[in-house]
N, C-alpha and C. Protein backbone atom coordinates (compact mmCIF):
# COMPACT_ATOMS: atom_id res chain seq x y z
N UNK A 1 -135.35 -36.64 -36.16
CA UNK A 1 -134.31 -36.31 -37.12
C UNK A 1 -133.02 -36.05 -36.34
N UNK A 2 -131.95 -36.67 -36.76
CA UNK A 2 -130.65 -36.51 -36.12
C UNK A 2 -130.02 -35.19 -36.54
N UNK A 3 -129.54 -34.45 -35.55
CA UNK A 3 -128.87 -33.19 -35.83
C UNK A 3 -127.38 -33.43 -35.91
N UNK A 4 -126.74 -32.80 -36.87
CA UNK A 4 -125.31 -32.98 -37.07
C UNK A 4 -124.47 -32.15 -36.10
N UNK A 5 -125.00 -31.06 -35.63
CA UNK A 5 -124.25 -30.15 -34.79
C UNK A 5 -124.63 -30.39 -33.32
N UNK A 6 -123.67 -30.78 -32.49
CA UNK A 6 -123.96 -31.04 -31.08
C UNK A 6 -124.49 -29.81 -30.36
N UNK A 7 -124.14 -28.64 -30.80
CA UNK A 7 -124.60 -27.40 -30.18
C UNK A 7 -126.12 -27.26 -30.33
N UNK A 8 -126.69 -27.82 -31.40
CA UNK A 8 -128.12 -27.70 -31.66
C UNK A 8 -128.94 -28.82 -31.02
N UNK A 9 -128.29 -29.80 -30.40
CA UNK A 9 -129.02 -30.93 -29.82
C UNK A 9 -129.56 -30.60 -28.43
N UNK A 10 -130.62 -31.30 -28.07
CA UNK A 10 -131.18 -31.17 -26.73
C UNK A 10 -130.13 -31.58 -25.70
N UNK A 11 -130.11 -30.87 -24.59
CA UNK A 11 -129.15 -31.13 -23.52
C UNK A 11 -129.89 -31.68 -22.30
N UNK A 12 -129.37 -32.77 -21.75
CA UNK A 12 -129.83 -33.26 -20.45
C UNK A 12 -128.77 -32.88 -19.42
N UNK A 13 -129.21 -32.21 -18.38
CA UNK A 13 -128.35 -31.71 -17.30
C UNK A 13 -128.69 -32.56 -16.08
N UNK A 14 -127.78 -33.45 -15.69
CA UNK A 14 -128.01 -34.38 -14.60
C UNK A 14 -127.05 -34.03 -13.46
N UNK A 15 -127.61 -33.75 -12.29
CA UNK A 15 -126.80 -33.27 -11.16
C UNK A 15 -127.06 -34.14 -9.94
N UNK A 16 -125.99 -34.53 -9.27
CA UNK A 16 -126.09 -35.27 -8.02
C UNK A 16 -125.63 -34.37 -6.88
N UNK A 17 -126.38 -34.39 -5.78
CA UNK A 17 -126.08 -33.58 -4.60
C UNK A 17 -125.87 -34.50 -3.40
N UNK A 18 -124.76 -34.33 -2.72
CA UNK A 18 -124.52 -34.97 -1.45
C UNK A 18 -124.65 -33.88 -0.39
N UNK A 19 -125.72 -33.94 0.38
CA UNK A 19 -125.92 -32.94 1.42
C UNK A 19 -125.09 -33.30 2.64
N UNK A 20 -124.82 -32.29 3.46
CA UNK A 20 -123.98 -32.49 4.65
C UNK A 20 -124.63 -33.51 5.59
N UNK A 21 -123.83 -34.38 6.13
CA UNK A 21 -124.31 -35.47 6.97
C UNK A 21 -124.97 -34.99 8.26
N UNK A 22 -124.58 -33.82 8.73
CA UNK A 22 -125.12 -33.35 10.01
C UNK A 22 -126.50 -32.68 9.89
N UNK A 23 -127.03 -32.59 8.68
CA UNK A 23 -128.34 -31.95 8.50
C UNK A 23 -129.46 -32.81 9.08
N UNK A 24 -130.43 -32.15 9.69
CA UNK A 24 -131.62 -32.84 10.17
C UNK A 24 -132.52 -33.15 8.97
N UNK A 25 -133.41 -34.11 9.14
CA UNK A 25 -134.32 -34.49 8.05
C UNK A 25 -135.14 -33.29 7.56
N UNK A 26 -135.54 -32.41 8.46
CA UNK A 26 -136.29 -31.21 8.07
C UNK A 26 -135.46 -30.33 7.14
N UNK A 27 -134.17 -30.17 7.43
CA UNK A 27 -133.29 -29.38 6.58
C UNK A 27 -133.11 -30.04 5.21
N UNK A 28 -133.02 -31.35 5.19
CA UNK A 28 -132.90 -32.07 3.93
C UNK A 28 -134.15 -31.84 3.08
N UNK A 29 -135.29 -31.87 3.72
CA UNK A 29 -136.55 -31.60 3.02
C UNK A 29 -136.62 -30.14 2.55
N UNK A 30 -136.14 -29.21 3.37
CA UNK A 30 -136.13 -27.79 3.00
C UNK A 30 -135.28 -27.52 1.76
N UNK A 31 -134.32 -28.38 1.50
CA UNK A 31 -133.45 -28.20 0.34
C UNK A 31 -134.23 -28.23 -0.97
N UNK A 32 -135.40 -28.81 -0.96
CA UNK A 32 -136.20 -28.85 -2.19
C UNK A 32 -136.57 -27.44 -2.67
N UNK A 33 -136.49 -26.46 -1.80
CA UNK A 33 -136.70 -25.07 -2.21
C UNK A 33 -135.73 -24.64 -3.30
N UNK A 34 -134.54 -25.22 -3.29
CA UNK A 34 -133.55 -24.96 -4.33
C UNK A 34 -134.11 -25.33 -5.70
N UNK A 35 -134.67 -26.52 -5.79
CA UNK A 35 -135.22 -27.00 -7.06
C UNK A 35 -136.45 -26.19 -7.48
N UNK A 36 -137.26 -25.81 -6.50
CA UNK A 36 -138.46 -25.03 -6.81
C UNK A 36 -138.08 -23.66 -7.37
N UNK A 37 -137.01 -23.07 -6.88
CA UNK A 37 -136.52 -21.81 -7.46
C UNK A 37 -136.06 -22.02 -8.90
N UNK A 38 -135.31 -23.09 -9.13
CA UNK A 38 -134.81 -23.37 -10.48
C UNK A 38 -135.95 -23.55 -11.47
N UNK A 39 -137.07 -24.12 -11.03
CA UNK A 39 -138.22 -24.35 -11.92
C UNK A 39 -138.73 -23.07 -12.57
N UNK A 40 -138.42 -21.93 -11.99
CA UNK A 40 -138.93 -20.66 -12.51
C UNK A 40 -138.07 -20.08 -13.63
N UNK A 41 -136.97 -20.73 -13.97
CA UNK A 41 -136.09 -20.23 -15.04
C UNK A 41 -136.73 -20.55 -16.39
N UNK A 42 -137.02 -19.55 -17.18
CA UNK A 42 -137.81 -19.74 -18.41
C UNK A 42 -137.23 -20.69 -19.45
N UNK A 43 -135.91 -20.82 -19.56
CA UNK A 43 -135.34 -21.65 -20.63
C UNK A 43 -135.40 -23.16 -20.34
N UNK A 44 -135.85 -23.55 -19.15
CA UNK A 44 -135.97 -24.96 -18.83
C UNK A 44 -137.06 -25.60 -19.67
N UNK A 45 -136.73 -26.71 -20.27
CA UNK A 45 -137.72 -27.50 -21.01
C UNK A 45 -138.45 -28.42 -20.03
N UNK A 46 -137.69 -29.00 -19.09
CA UNK A 46 -138.27 -29.81 -18.02
C UNK A 46 -137.32 -29.84 -16.84
N UNK A 47 -137.86 -30.12 -15.66
CA UNK A 47 -137.06 -30.24 -14.44
C UNK A 47 -137.73 -31.23 -13.52
N UNK A 48 -136.97 -32.24 -13.09
CA UNK A 48 -137.43 -33.21 -12.10
C UNK A 48 -136.31 -33.40 -11.09
N UNK A 49 -136.70 -33.75 -9.87
CA UNK A 49 -135.70 -34.02 -8.85
C UNK A 49 -136.23 -35.08 -7.90
N UNK A 50 -135.32 -35.69 -7.15
CA UNK A 50 -135.75 -36.69 -6.18
C UNK A 50 -134.61 -37.17 -5.31
N UNK A 51 -135.01 -37.93 -4.30
CA UNK A 51 -134.05 -38.53 -3.36
C UNK A 51 -133.51 -39.82 -3.95
N UNK A 52 -132.37 -40.25 -3.45
CA UNK A 52 -131.79 -41.52 -3.87
C UNK A 52 -132.76 -42.66 -3.53
N UNK A 53 -132.93 -43.56 -4.47
CA UNK A 53 -133.83 -44.70 -4.26
C UNK A 53 -133.11 -45.80 -3.49
N UNK A 54 -133.87 -46.54 -2.74
CA UNK A 54 -133.32 -47.66 -1.97
C UNK A 54 -133.42 -48.93 -2.81
N UNK A 55 -132.74 -48.90 -3.97
CA UNK A 55 -132.77 -50.06 -4.86
C UNK A 55 -131.73 -51.10 -4.43
N UNK A 56 -131.80 -52.27 -5.05
CA UNK A 56 -130.87 -53.35 -4.71
C UNK A 56 -129.43 -52.92 -4.91
N UNK A 57 -128.60 -53.26 -3.94
CA UNK A 57 -127.18 -52.95 -4.01
C UNK A 57 -126.49 -53.88 -5.00
N UNK A 58 -125.77 -53.27 -5.93
CA UNK A 58 -124.96 -53.99 -6.91
C UNK A 58 -123.70 -53.18 -7.12
N UNK A 59 -122.69 -53.78 -7.72
CA UNK A 59 -121.41 -53.09 -7.94
C UNK A 59 -121.57 -51.83 -8.77
N UNK A 60 -122.55 -51.78 -9.64
CA UNK A 60 -122.71 -50.63 -10.55
C UNK A 60 -123.67 -49.57 -10.01
N UNK A 61 -124.25 -49.79 -8.84
CA UNK A 61 -125.23 -48.86 -8.28
C UNK A 61 -124.57 -47.98 -7.22
N UNK A 62 -124.76 -46.67 -7.34
CA UNK A 62 -124.27 -45.72 -6.34
C UNK A 62 -125.45 -44.89 -5.87
N UNK A 63 -125.99 -45.23 -4.73
CA UNK A 63 -127.10 -44.48 -4.13
C UNK A 63 -126.61 -43.64 -2.96
N UNK A 64 -125.35 -43.24 -2.99
CA UNK A 64 -124.78 -42.49 -1.87
C UNK A 64 -125.19 -41.02 -1.86
N UNK A 65 -125.73 -40.52 -2.95
CA UNK A 65 -126.13 -39.12 -3.03
C UNK A 65 -127.45 -38.90 -2.29
N UNK A 66 -127.77 -37.64 -2.00
CA UNK A 66 -129.01 -37.30 -1.30
C UNK A 66 -130.12 -36.99 -2.30
N UNK A 67 -129.84 -36.11 -3.26
CA UNK A 67 -130.81 -35.71 -4.28
C UNK A 67 -130.17 -35.77 -5.65
N UNK A 68 -131.02 -35.99 -6.65
CA UNK A 68 -130.58 -35.78 -8.03
C UNK A 68 -131.51 -34.78 -8.69
N UNK A 69 -131.02 -34.16 -9.73
CA UNK A 69 -131.76 -33.17 -10.50
C UNK A 69 -131.58 -33.52 -11.97
N UNK A 70 -132.68 -33.57 -12.71
CA UNK A 70 -132.61 -33.82 -14.15
C UNK A 70 -133.36 -32.70 -14.85
N UNK A 71 -132.61 -31.91 -15.63
CA UNK A 71 -133.20 -30.82 -16.41
C UNK A 71 -132.94 -31.10 -17.89
N UNK A 72 -133.83 -30.63 -18.72
CA UNK A 72 -133.57 -30.68 -20.15
C UNK A 72 -133.68 -29.27 -20.72
N UNK A 73 -132.87 -29.04 -21.75
CA UNK A 73 -132.84 -27.76 -22.44
C UNK A 73 -132.95 -28.01 -23.93
N UNK A 74 -133.56 -27.10 -24.63
CA UNK A 74 -133.74 -27.22 -26.07
C UNK A 74 -132.41 -27.41 -26.79
N UNK A 75 -131.38 -26.70 -26.31
CA UNK A 75 -130.08 -26.74 -26.98
C UNK A 75 -129.01 -26.17 -26.06
N UNK A 76 -127.80 -26.14 -26.58
CA UNK A 76 -126.64 -25.64 -25.83
C UNK A 76 -126.83 -24.19 -25.41
N UNK A 77 -127.43 -23.38 -26.25
CA UNK A 77 -127.65 -21.97 -25.93
C UNK A 77 -128.51 -21.82 -24.68
N UNK A 78 -129.63 -22.56 -24.61
CA UNK A 78 -130.50 -22.46 -23.44
C UNK A 78 -129.81 -22.98 -22.18
N UNK A 79 -129.00 -24.01 -22.32
CA UNK A 79 -128.24 -24.53 -21.17
C UNK A 79 -127.26 -23.47 -20.67
N UNK A 80 -126.62 -22.77 -21.60
CA UNK A 80 -125.68 -21.71 -21.22
C UNK A 80 -126.39 -20.55 -20.53
N UNK A 81 -127.58 -20.22 -20.99
CA UNK A 81 -128.37 -19.17 -20.34
C UNK A 81 -128.68 -19.57 -18.91
N UNK A 82 -129.09 -20.81 -18.72
CA UNK A 82 -129.42 -21.34 -17.39
C UNK A 82 -128.23 -21.24 -16.45
N UNK A 83 -127.05 -21.61 -16.94
CA UNK A 83 -125.85 -21.63 -16.09
C UNK A 83 -125.57 -20.29 -15.44
N UNK A 84 -125.85 -19.21 -16.14
CA UNK A 84 -125.54 -17.87 -15.61
C UNK A 84 -126.79 -17.06 -15.29
N UNK A 85 -127.95 -17.71 -15.33
CA UNK A 85 -129.20 -17.00 -15.06
C UNK A 85 -129.22 -16.52 -13.60
N UNK A 86 -129.69 -15.30 -13.35
CA UNK A 86 -129.70 -14.76 -11.98
C UNK A 86 -130.46 -15.64 -10.98
N UNK A 87 -131.53 -16.29 -11.40
CA UNK A 87 -132.28 -17.17 -10.49
C UNK A 87 -131.42 -18.37 -10.10
N UNK A 88 -130.70 -18.93 -11.06
CA UNK A 88 -129.80 -20.06 -10.80
C UNK A 88 -128.70 -19.65 -9.82
N UNK A 89 -128.08 -18.52 -10.10
CA UNK A 89 -126.99 -18.04 -9.24
C UNK A 89 -127.49 -17.70 -7.84
N UNK A 90 -128.69 -17.11 -7.75
CA UNK A 90 -129.28 -16.78 -6.45
C UNK A 90 -129.61 -18.06 -5.67
N UNK A 91 -130.15 -19.05 -6.36
CA UNK A 91 -130.47 -20.32 -5.70
C UNK A 91 -129.21 -20.98 -5.14
N UNK A 92 -128.13 -20.94 -5.90
CA UNK A 92 -126.86 -21.49 -5.42
C UNK A 92 -126.41 -20.74 -4.17
N UNK A 93 -126.48 -19.41 -4.21
CA UNK A 93 -126.09 -18.60 -3.04
C UNK A 93 -126.93 -18.94 -1.81
N UNK A 94 -128.23 -19.17 -2.01
CA UNK A 94 -129.13 -19.44 -0.89
C UNK A 94 -128.96 -20.84 -0.31
N UNK A 95 -128.58 -21.80 -1.14
CA UNK A 95 -128.62 -23.21 -0.71
C UNK A 95 -127.28 -23.93 -0.68
N UNK A 96 -126.20 -23.30 -1.11
CA UNK A 96 -124.93 -24.03 -1.19
C UNK A 96 -124.39 -24.46 0.17
N UNK A 97 -124.87 -23.86 1.24
CA UNK A 97 -124.41 -24.28 2.57
C UNK A 97 -124.97 -25.65 2.97
N UNK A 98 -125.94 -26.17 2.21
CA UNK A 98 -126.51 -27.48 2.49
C UNK A 98 -125.64 -28.63 1.98
N UNK A 99 -124.88 -28.38 0.90
CA UNK A 99 -124.19 -29.52 0.27
C UNK A 99 -122.70 -29.55 0.58
N UNK A 100 -122.19 -30.80 0.51
CA UNK A 100 -120.74 -30.99 0.65
C UNK A 100 -120.12 -31.37 -0.69
N UNK A 101 -120.95 -31.86 -1.62
CA UNK A 101 -120.43 -32.25 -2.92
C UNK A 101 -121.55 -32.18 -3.96
N UNK A 102 -121.18 -31.74 -5.17
CA UNK A 102 -122.11 -31.68 -6.29
C UNK A 102 -121.35 -32.18 -7.53
N UNK A 103 -122.00 -33.04 -8.30
CA UNK A 103 -121.41 -33.55 -9.55
C UNK A 103 -122.42 -33.32 -10.67
N UNK A 104 -121.95 -32.74 -11.77
CA UNK A 104 -122.81 -32.43 -12.93
C UNK A 104 -122.40 -33.29 -14.11
N UNK A 105 -123.41 -33.85 -14.79
CA UNK A 105 -123.21 -34.57 -16.04
C UNK A 105 -124.14 -33.93 -17.07
N UNK A 106 -123.57 -33.37 -18.13
CA UNK A 106 -124.36 -32.81 -19.23
C UNK A 106 -124.16 -33.70 -20.46
N UNK A 107 -125.25 -33.98 -21.15
CA UNK A 107 -125.12 -34.80 -22.34
C UNK A 107 -126.10 -34.35 -23.42
N UNK A 108 -125.72 -34.61 -24.67
CA UNK A 108 -126.59 -34.36 -25.81
C UNK A 108 -127.44 -35.60 -26.00
N UNK A 109 -128.73 -35.40 -26.14
CA UNK A 109 -129.63 -36.54 -26.30
C UNK A 109 -130.33 -36.51 -27.63
N UNK A 110 -130.71 -37.67 -28.08
CA UNK A 110 -131.40 -37.78 -29.37
C UNK A 110 -132.76 -38.36 -29.16
């Protein structure tokens, strides 16, 4: 059933992380601890993460990032709770020294 109010729609939170180039492979692997901390936030409907795939190069493909994160939330309210949740903020404090760039895309899904 289509919801008329965007605030009530499910939210997909898609994040790309570019980790610092000088990190060793072990440090890049250790960064997954960030995602494991986020998994403990109760309002998450789902959370998946992974490394950039080595897919065929095309003009529309950008595999320059190190990790991506895909979370879903029941609605805008749960997404807002996540944004300021102490576990989320603590994870950022613990792991932000790993990245040089982060890009977030949030969308309403049907």
